[in-house]
Protein backbone atom coordinates (compact mmCIF):
# COMPACT_ATOMS: atom_id res chain seq x y z
CA MET A 1 84.23 94.83 80.04
CA GLY A 2 83.21 97.69 82.37
CA LEU A 3 79.86 99.33 82.83
CA ARG A 4 77.63 100.29 79.96
CA TYR A 5 76.63 103.60 81.54
CA SER A 6 78.46 105.77 84.03
CA ALA A 7 76.94 106.37 87.45
CA TYR A 8 76.88 110.00 88.53
CA ILE A 9 77.16 111.19 92.11
CA GLU A 10 75.36 114.39 93.01
CA SER A 11 74.84 116.08 96.33
CA PRO A 12 71.27 116.07 97.63
CA SER A 13 69.28 119.04 96.32
CA PRO A 14 67.14 121.10 98.71
CA HIS A 15 64.64 121.83 95.93
CA SER A 16 63.97 118.29 94.70
CA GLU A 17 60.33 117.25 95.01
CA VAL A 18 60.98 113.54 94.40
CA ASP A 19 62.53 111.44 97.15
CA SER A 20 65.77 110.38 95.49
CA SER A 21 66.48 107.71 98.12
CA ASP A 22 63.79 105.37 96.71
CA TYR A 23 65.14 105.78 93.18
CA LEU A 24 68.73 105.20 94.26
CA ARG A 25 67.83 102.25 96.49
CA THR A 26 66.17 100.40 93.60
CA ASN A 27 68.20 101.57 90.61
CA SER A 28 71.77 102.18 91.67
CA SER A 29 74.56 101.29 94.03
CA LEU A 30 74.91 105.02 94.69
CA TYR A 31 72.40 104.72 97.53
CA HIS A 32 75.22 103.68 99.84
CA LEU A 33 77.38 106.59 98.68
CA LEU A 34 74.69 109.11 99.57
CA ALA A 35 73.37 107.46 102.72
CA ASP A 36 75.84 109.25 104.97
CA SER A 37 75.21 112.59 103.28
CA ARG A 38 71.62 112.57 104.63
CA ARG A 39 73.04 114.01 107.86
CA MET A 40 73.07 117.37 106.12
CA HIS A 41 70.51 119.98 107.16
CA PHE A 42 69.33 123.19 105.57
CA SER A 43 69.03 126.74 106.85
CA HIS A 44 67.68 129.93 105.33
CA SER A 45 69.75 133.09 105.09
CA SER A 46 68.33 136.55 105.60
CA GLN A 47 67.80 136.79 101.82
CA GLY A 48 65.67 133.64 101.77
CA ARG A 49 68.14 131.40 99.92
CA CYS A 50 68.71 127.85 101.11
CA HIS A 51 72.20 126.89 102.17
CA ARG A 52 73.36 123.37 102.84
CA GLU A 53 75.27 122.88 106.04
CA CYS A 54 77.12 119.71 106.80
CA SER A 55 78.32 118.68 110.21
CA ASN A 56 81.87 117.90 109.02
CA SER A 57 82.55 119.30 105.56
CA LYS A 58 81.15 120.15 102.16
CA PHE A 59 79.91 117.31 99.95
CA ILE A 60 82.59 116.61 97.33
CA THR A 61 82.38 114.27 94.35
CA TYR A 62 85.67 112.73 93.25
CA GLY A 63 86.30 111.68 89.66
CA CYS A 64 88.98 110.33 87.36
CA ARG A 65 91.55 113.05 86.65
CA ARG A 66 91.79 112.01 82.99
CA CYS A 67 88.10 111.74 81.97
CA ARG A 68 86.23 113.09 85.06
CA THR A 69 84.07 109.98 85.43
CA HIS A 70 82.53 110.03 88.91
CA LEU A 71 84.17 107.59 91.32
CA SER A 72 83.17 108.36 94.90
CA SER A 73 82.23 111.11 97.34
CA SER A 74 83.62 112.75 100.44
CA THR A 75 81.16 110.78 102.58
CA GLN A 76 83.03 107.58 101.67
CA ILE A 77 86.46 108.67 102.93
CA MET A 78 87.47 106.40 105.80
CA SER A 79 91.02 107.75 106.18
CA LYS A 80 93.29 110.30 104.53
CA ASP A 81 96.46 108.83 106.06
CA TYR A 82 97.49 106.43 103.29
CA ARG A 83 100.29 106.37 100.75
CA GLY A 84 100.03 104.92 97.28
CA LYS A 85 102.55 104.44 94.50
CA THR A 86 102.26 108.09 93.42
CA GLY A 87 101.95 109.73 96.85
CA ASP A 88 99.08 110.47 99.23
CA ALA A 89 95.91 108.40 98.99
CA TYR A 90 92.47 107.99 100.59
CA LEU A 91 90.99 104.81 102.00
CA MET A 92 87.44 104.72 100.60
CA GLY A 93 84.49 102.62 101.65
CA GLU A 94 82.77 102.50 98.25
CA VAL A 95 83.83 103.36 94.71
CA VAL A 96 81.79 103.18 91.49
CA ASN A 97 82.64 103.16 87.78
CA VAL A 98 85.79 101.07 88.17
CA ILE A 99 86.94 97.74 86.80
CA GLN A 100 89.21 95.40 88.67
CA GLY A 101 92.56 94.26 87.36
CA GLU A 102 94.41 91.03 88.04
CA VAL A 103 94.53 89.68 91.58
CA GLU A 104 98.01 89.64 93.13
CA THR A 105 99.73 89.43 96.49
CA ARG A 106 101.38 92.74 97.37
CA PRO A 107 103.75 93.30 100.30
CA MET A 108 103.09 96.58 102.13
CA ILE A 109 104.29 98.21 105.34
CA THR A 110 101.45 96.72 107.41
CA GLY A 111 101.78 93.21 105.94
CA ASP A 112 101.00 91.22 102.82
CA TYR A 113 97.65 91.72 101.12
CA ILE A 114 95.80 90.12 98.26
CA VAL A 115 94.75 93.11 96.14
CA CYS A 116 93.69 94.03 92.63
CA ASP A 117 94.32 97.31 90.84
CA ILE A 118 91.26 99.41 90.02
CA LEU A 119 90.93 101.18 86.68
CA CYS A 120 88.52 103.83 85.45
CA HIS A 121 85.87 101.96 83.46
CA TRP A 122 85.80 104.70 80.81
CA CYS A 123 89.46 105.60 80.08
CA LYS A 124 91.17 102.62 81.80
CA SER A 125 93.50 104.85 83.87
CA LEU A 126 95.01 103.26 86.98
CA LEU A 127 93.35 104.85 90.03
CA GLY A 128 94.51 102.74 92.97
CA TRP A 129 93.68 99.30 94.30
CA LYS A 130 91.11 97.26 96.21
CA TYR A 131 92.01 95.22 99.29
CA LEU A 132 90.62 91.70 98.86
CA GLU A 133 92.25 89.87 101.77
CA SER A 134 94.70 90.53 104.58
CA GLU A 135 97.04 88.03 106.22
CA ARG A 136 96.85 89.87 109.58
CA LYS A 137 93.69 89.84 111.68
CA ASP A 138 94.17 93.41 112.89
CA GLN A 139 94.17 94.64 109.27
CA ARG A 140 91.02 92.82 108.12
CA TYR A 141 88.96 96.02 108.32
CA LYS A 142 90.56 96.99 104.99
CA GLU A 143 89.10 94.00 103.14
CA GLY A 144 86.66 95.15 100.48
CA LYS A 145 87.86 98.77 100.78
CA TYR A 146 89.55 100.88 98.11
CA ILE A 147 92.63 103.08 97.89
CA LEU A 148 92.25 106.09 95.57
CA GLU A 149 95.53 107.87 94.89
CA LEU A 150 95.20 111.67 94.92
CA GLN A 151 97.38 112.06 91.82
CA THR A 152 94.82 110.07 89.79
CA ILE A 153 91.60 111.77 90.94
CA CYS A 154 90.10 115.26 90.93
CA ARG A 155 87.17 117.10 92.46
CA CYS A 156 84.14 117.22 90.18
CA GLU A 157 82.05 120.35 90.62
């Protein structure tokens, strides 16, 4: 089924006159993706150009490697210390433009989880999975979070 339109993730612009937070809050789930990026501040160089400075790192939008549909941003990375089926993976707080596959129980190193695969809503490529439920109490923080495998995503610039 999927989404009718793709959601796009853009870094906050220093020149925008309209407050994008009101638009995003009422019209898109992207508000949560950009909420953490508001910690950015701006400085002026000696030539008068504005430069964005972030406390941790540059704002990065991640997309599907096959069709480049926007999926998430660097502000949503909870951990980079995960392994997926194809190699390294990120634990993400929020992901957009995905559809969920069939629910299944999957044994992993840290215990058994009820998960569903996540697919790009545009090209249907397998991107990773979503944790739905954990059997262990100390792993419940993963519930509702997503794993994006690095082999299936790319940076969108």
